[in-house]
Amino acid sequence: MIGAIIGDIVGSVYEFDNIKTKDFPILSDGCSYTDDTLMTIAVGKALLDHIDNGTDLFEATASAMREIAADYPCGRGGYGRSFRNWLDSAEPLPYGSYGNGGAMRVSPCGECAILARDALEKASVTASVTHNHPEGIRGAQAAAMAVFLAMDGATKQEMRNVLRQFYPLDRTLDEIRPYYAFDVTAQGSVPQALEAFLESESFEDALRN
């Protein structure tokens, strides 16, 4: 969860001003948390409520997301239009998104899971509060599984073998980078993010990838 927040802050200045080099300052002027940090914290809060008090995870997630969004400014970038409408709705309902928002906030699900199936189930629930499209859920489950496997001590190759149940992972970063363009869909960004991690040699190298 902390790693996800650091990554959000480091990458915040490049979200709408993309770069394709690994040579950049890790922290530069303008770096800040974004909505993804806030919603990651919300998912973590919902999981604690669910685990400690038996609160329904779907309801706890929706409540925590709306509470934190109301109490804290969004940070850099702002909320997407559909999510903003969801926050402002009197009766918020999932809106079928296949964006990467469910995956961006899911790290606590992998971190707190005891078994792989727990990570998958929690990822599905926390994503489907808004991102209930199959692709939105798949992206969240893939990211949660990566976190779970890393914390469980899996090797990179073992992780790659498991994560291929979600995406082919058949292109290297050198093959992806020249043609890649900004893409907020889960299917168009989560597998690339997984590859960035799988090819990394350290935490910082993963961020630079």
Protein backbone atom coordinates (compact mmCIF):
# COMPACT_ATOMS: atom_id res chain seq x y z
CA MET A 1 0.00 0.00 0.00
CA ILE A 2 2.81 2.41 0.88
CA GLY A 3 4.62 1.44 -2.31
CA ALA A 4 1.51 2.17 -4.35
CA ILE A 5 1.19 5.61 -2.76
CA ILE A 6 4.86 6.40 -3.41
CA GLY A 7 4.40 5.34 -7.02
CA ASP A 8 1.33 7.54 -7.34
CA ILE A 9 3.24 10.57 -6.06
CA VAL A 10 6.31 9.91 -8.21
CA GLY A 11 4.25 9.45 -11.37
CA SER A 12 1.77 12.24 -10.71
CA VAL A 13 3.59 14.85 -12.80
CA TYR A 14 3.73 12.52 -15.82
CA GLU A 15 0.11 11.39 -16.01
CA PHE A 16 -0.83 14.03 -18.55
CA ASP A 17 2.72 14.76 -19.72
CA ASN A 18 3.97 11.28 -20.54
CA ILE A 19 7.63 10.35 -20.88
CA LYS A 20 9.32 7.24 -22.26
CA THR A 21 12.70 7.50 -20.58
CA LYS A 22 13.86 5.99 -17.30
CA ASP A 23 16.05 9.04 -16.70
CA PHE A 24 13.90 11.40 -14.61
CA PRO A 25 13.96 12.80 -11.06
CA ILE A 26 12.13 10.51 -8.66
CA LEU A 27 10.62 13.51 -6.88
CA SER A 28 10.27 16.74 -8.81
CA ASP A 29 8.43 20.03 -8.41
CA GLY A 30 4.70 19.45 -8.56
CA CYS A 31 4.70 15.84 -7.37
CA SER A 32 1.67 15.18 -5.20
CA TYR A 33 -0.77 12.49 -4.21
CA THR A 34 -3.74 11.98 -6.52
CA ASP A 35 -7.21 10.49 -6.26
CA ASP A 36 -5.58 7.04 -6.46
CA THR A 37 -3.77 7.58 -3.15
CA LEU A 38 -6.97 8.75 -1.50
CA MET A 39 -8.96 5.79 -2.80
CA THR A 40 -6.20 3.33 -1.84
CA ILE A 41 -6.48 4.66 1.71
CA ALA A 42 -10.26 4.31 1.47
CA VAL A 43 -9.98 0.65 0.46
CA GLY A 44 -7.56 0.04 3.32
CA LYS A 45 -9.99 1.69 5.74
CA ALA A 46 -12.89 -0.38 4.40
CA LEU A 47 -10.91 -3.60 4.77
CA LEU A 48 -10.08 -2.80 8.40
CA ASP A 49 -13.76 -2.13 9.09
CA HIS A 50 -14.71 -5.36 7.32
CA ILE A 51 -12.12 -7.47 9.14
CA ASP A 52 -12.51 -5.90 12.59
CA ASN A 53 -16.27 -5.33 12.65
CA GLY A 54 -17.71 -7.69 10.03
CA THR A 55 -19.04 -4.80 7.95
CA ASP A 56 -20.14 -5.69 4.44
CA LEU A 57 -17.06 -4.97 2.30
CA PHE A 58 -18.99 -3.50 -0.63
CA GLU A 59 -20.86 -1.06 1.59
CA ALA A 60 -17.77 -0.28 3.66
CA THR A 61 -15.78 0.51 0.51
CA ALA A 62 -18.44 2.82 -0.91
CA SER A 63 -18.78 4.59 2.43
CA ALA A 64 -15.04 5.04 2.95
CA MET A 65 -14.49 6.32 -0.57
CA ARG A 66 -17.19 8.94 -0.24
CA GLU A 67 -16.07 9.92 3.28
CA ILE A 68 -12.43 10.43 2.32
CA ALA A 69 -13.33 12.25 -0.90
CA ALA A 70 -15.47 14.64 1.14
CA ASP A 71 -12.84 15.22 3.83
CA TYR A 72 -9.69 15.62 1.71
CA PRO A 73 -8.91 17.60 -1.44
CA CYS A 74 -8.26 15.42 -4.43
CA GLY A 75 -4.66 16.35 -5.02
CA ARG A 76 -3.12 16.46 -8.46
CA GLY A 77 -5.27 15.52 -11.45
CA GLY A 78 -8.74 15.53 -9.93
CA TYR A 79 -11.38 12.83 -10.15
CA GLY A 80 -12.63 11.47 -13.45
CA ARG A 81 -16.05 12.67 -14.55
CA SER A 82 -17.84 9.37 -13.99
CA PHE A 83 -16.32 8.91 -10.55
CA ARG A 84 -17.12 12.50 -9.62
CA ASN A 85 -20.74 11.90 -10.62
CA TRP A 86 -20.72 8.74 -8.50
CA LEU A 87 -19.40 10.68 -5.51
CA ASP A 88 -22.08 13.35 -5.94
CA SER A 89 -24.96 10.92 -6.44
CA ALA A 90 -27.58 10.51 -3.73
CA GLU A 91 -27.72 6.79 -4.54
CA PRO A 92 -24.29 5.78 -5.90
CA LEU A 93 -24.39 2.71 -8.12
CA PRO A 94 -21.65 0.91 -10.06
CA TYR A 95 -21.33 2.42 -13.51
CA GLY A 96 -19.73 -0.34 -15.54
CA SER A 97 -16.28 1.20 -15.82
CA TYR A 98 -13.45 -0.80 -17.36
CA GLY A 99 -10.91 1.84 -16.38
CA ASN A 100 -7.88 1.14 -14.23
CA GLY A 101 -9.24 2.85 -11.10
CA GLY A 102 -10.15 -0.44 -9.44
CA ALA A 103 -6.60 -1.69 -9.95
CA MET A 104 -5.03 1.58 -8.82
CA ARG A 105 -6.62 1.36 -5.37
CA VAL A 106 -6.49 -2.40 -4.81
CA SER A 107 -3.09 -2.96 -3.16
CA PRO A 108 -4.52 -3.32 0.39
CA CYS A 109 -6.54 -6.32 -0.82
CA GLY A 110 -3.39 -8.20 -1.74
CA GLU A 111 -1.61 -7.03 1.38
CA CYS A 112 -4.18 -8.24 3.90
CA ALA A 113 -5.20 -11.50 2.18
CA ILE A 114 -4.33 -14.80 3.85
CA LEU A 115 -5.01 -16.91 0.75
CA ALA A 116 -4.91 -16.11 -2.96
CA ARG A 117 -8.65 -16.57 -3.27
CA ASP A 118 -9.15 -13.96 -0.53
CA ALA A 119 -7.13 -11.44 -2.54
CA LEU A 120 -9.20 -12.16 -5.64
CA GLU A 121 -12.52 -11.94 -3.82
CA LYS A 122 -11.67 -8.70 -2.02
CA ALA A 123 -10.32 -7.17 -5.22
CA SER A 124 -13.52 -8.04 -7.06
CA VAL A 125 -15.71 -6.51 -4.36
CA THR A 126 -13.75 -3.28 -3.92
CA ALA A 127 -13.50 -2.76 -7.68
CA SER A 128 -17.15 -3.50 -8.40
CA VAL A 129 -18.34 -0.63 -6.20
CA THR A 130 -17.67 1.47 -9.31
CA HIS A 131 -15.70 -0.61 -11.84
CA ASN A 132 -18.04 -3.57 -12.24
CA HIS A 133 -17.18 -4.24 -15.89
CA PRO A 134 -15.38 -7.62 -16.25
CA GLU A 135 -12.24 -5.83 -17.47
CA GLY A 136 -12.27 -3.46 -14.51
CA ILE A 137 -12.55 -6.39 -12.13
CA ARG A 138 -9.90 -8.41 -13.98
CA GLY A 139 -7.43 -5.55 -13.70
CA ALA A 140 -8.04 -5.19 -9.97
CA GLN A 141 -7.70 -8.92 -9.39
CA ALA A 142 -4.45 -9.11 -11.36
CA ALA A 143 -2.90 -6.26 -9.37
CA ALA A 144 -4.09 -7.69 -6.04
CA MET A 145 -2.71 -11.11 -6.97
CA ALA A 146 0.67 -9.57 -7.82
CA VAL A 147 0.81 -7.91 -4.39
CA PHE A 148 -0.26 -11.11 -2.65
CA LEU A 149 2.34 -13.22 -4.46
CA ALA A 150 5.12 -10.72 -3.78
CA MET A 151 4.31 -10.65 -0.07
CA ASP A 152 4.10 -14.45 -0.08
CA GLY A 153 7.69 -14.66 -1.31
CA ALA A 154 7.05 -15.83 -4.88
CA THR A 155 9.83 -15.41 -7.42
CA LYS A 156 9.34 -13.16 -10.42
CA GLN A 157 9.01 -16.21 -12.68
CA GLU A 158 6.45 -17.80 -10.37
CA MET A 159 4.53 -14.54 -10.36
CA ARG A 160 4.64 -14.29 -14.15
CA ASN A 161 3.30 -17.84 -14.47
CA VAL A 162 0.34 -17.07 -12.20
CA LEU A 163 -0.39 -13.62 -13.63
CA ARG A 164 -0.68 -15.07 -17.13
CA GLN A 165 -4.12 -16.32 -16.10
CA PHE A 166 -5.15 -12.65 -16.36
CA TYR A 167 -3.04 -11.34 -19.27
CA PRO A 168 -0.63 -12.93 -21.79
CA LEU A 169 2.36 -10.86 -20.61
CA ASP A 170 4.06 -11.78 -23.87
CA ARG A 171 5.70 -8.43 -24.70
CA THR A 172 8.76 -6.90 -23.09
CA LEU A 173 8.95 -3.24 -22.10
CA ASP A 174 11.32 -2.63 -25.00
CA GLU A 175 8.58 -3.93 -27.31
CA ILE A 176 5.80 -1.99 -25.55
CA ARG A 177 7.47 1.37 -25.02
CA PRO A 178 7.92 2.70 -28.61
CA TYR A 179 4.24 2.34 -29.52
CA TYR A 180 2.52 2.81 -26.17
CA ALA A 181 0.14 5.74 -25.73
CA PHE A 182 -1.73 7.06 -22.69
CA ASP A 183 -4.48 4.56 -21.86
CA VAL A 184 -6.71 4.60 -18.78
CA THR A 185 -8.44 1.28 -19.47
CA ALA A 186 -7.56 -1.63 -17.21
CA GLN A 187 -6.76 -3.89 -20.15
CA GLY A 188 -4.61 -1.19 -21.71
CA SER A 189 -2.51 -0.34 -18.66
CA VAL A 190 -2.51 -3.07 -16.00
CA PRO A 191 -0.57 -5.70 -18.02
CA GLN A 192 2.01 -3.06 -18.94
CA ALA A 193 2.35 -2.10 -15.26
CA LEU A 194 2.78 -5.75 -14.31
CA GLU A 195 5.51 -6.10 -16.92
CA ALA A 196 7.23 -3.01 -15.54
CA PHE A 197 7.39 -4.70 -12.16
CA LEU A 198 8.35 -8.13 -13.45
CA GLU A 199 11.33 -6.70 -15.35
CA SER A 200 12.47 -4.51 -12.45
CA GLU A 201 15.61 -5.02 -10.38
CA SER A 202 14.53 -2.90 -7.40
CA PHE A 203 11.66 -0.78 -6.12
CA GLU A 204 13.11 2.32 -7.75
CA ASP A 205 13.70 0.46 -10.99
CA ALA A 206 10.05 -0.60 -11.03
CA LEU A 207 9.02 3.05 -10.74
CA ARG A 208 11.38 4.05 -13.53
CA ASN A 209 10.10 1.20 -15.73
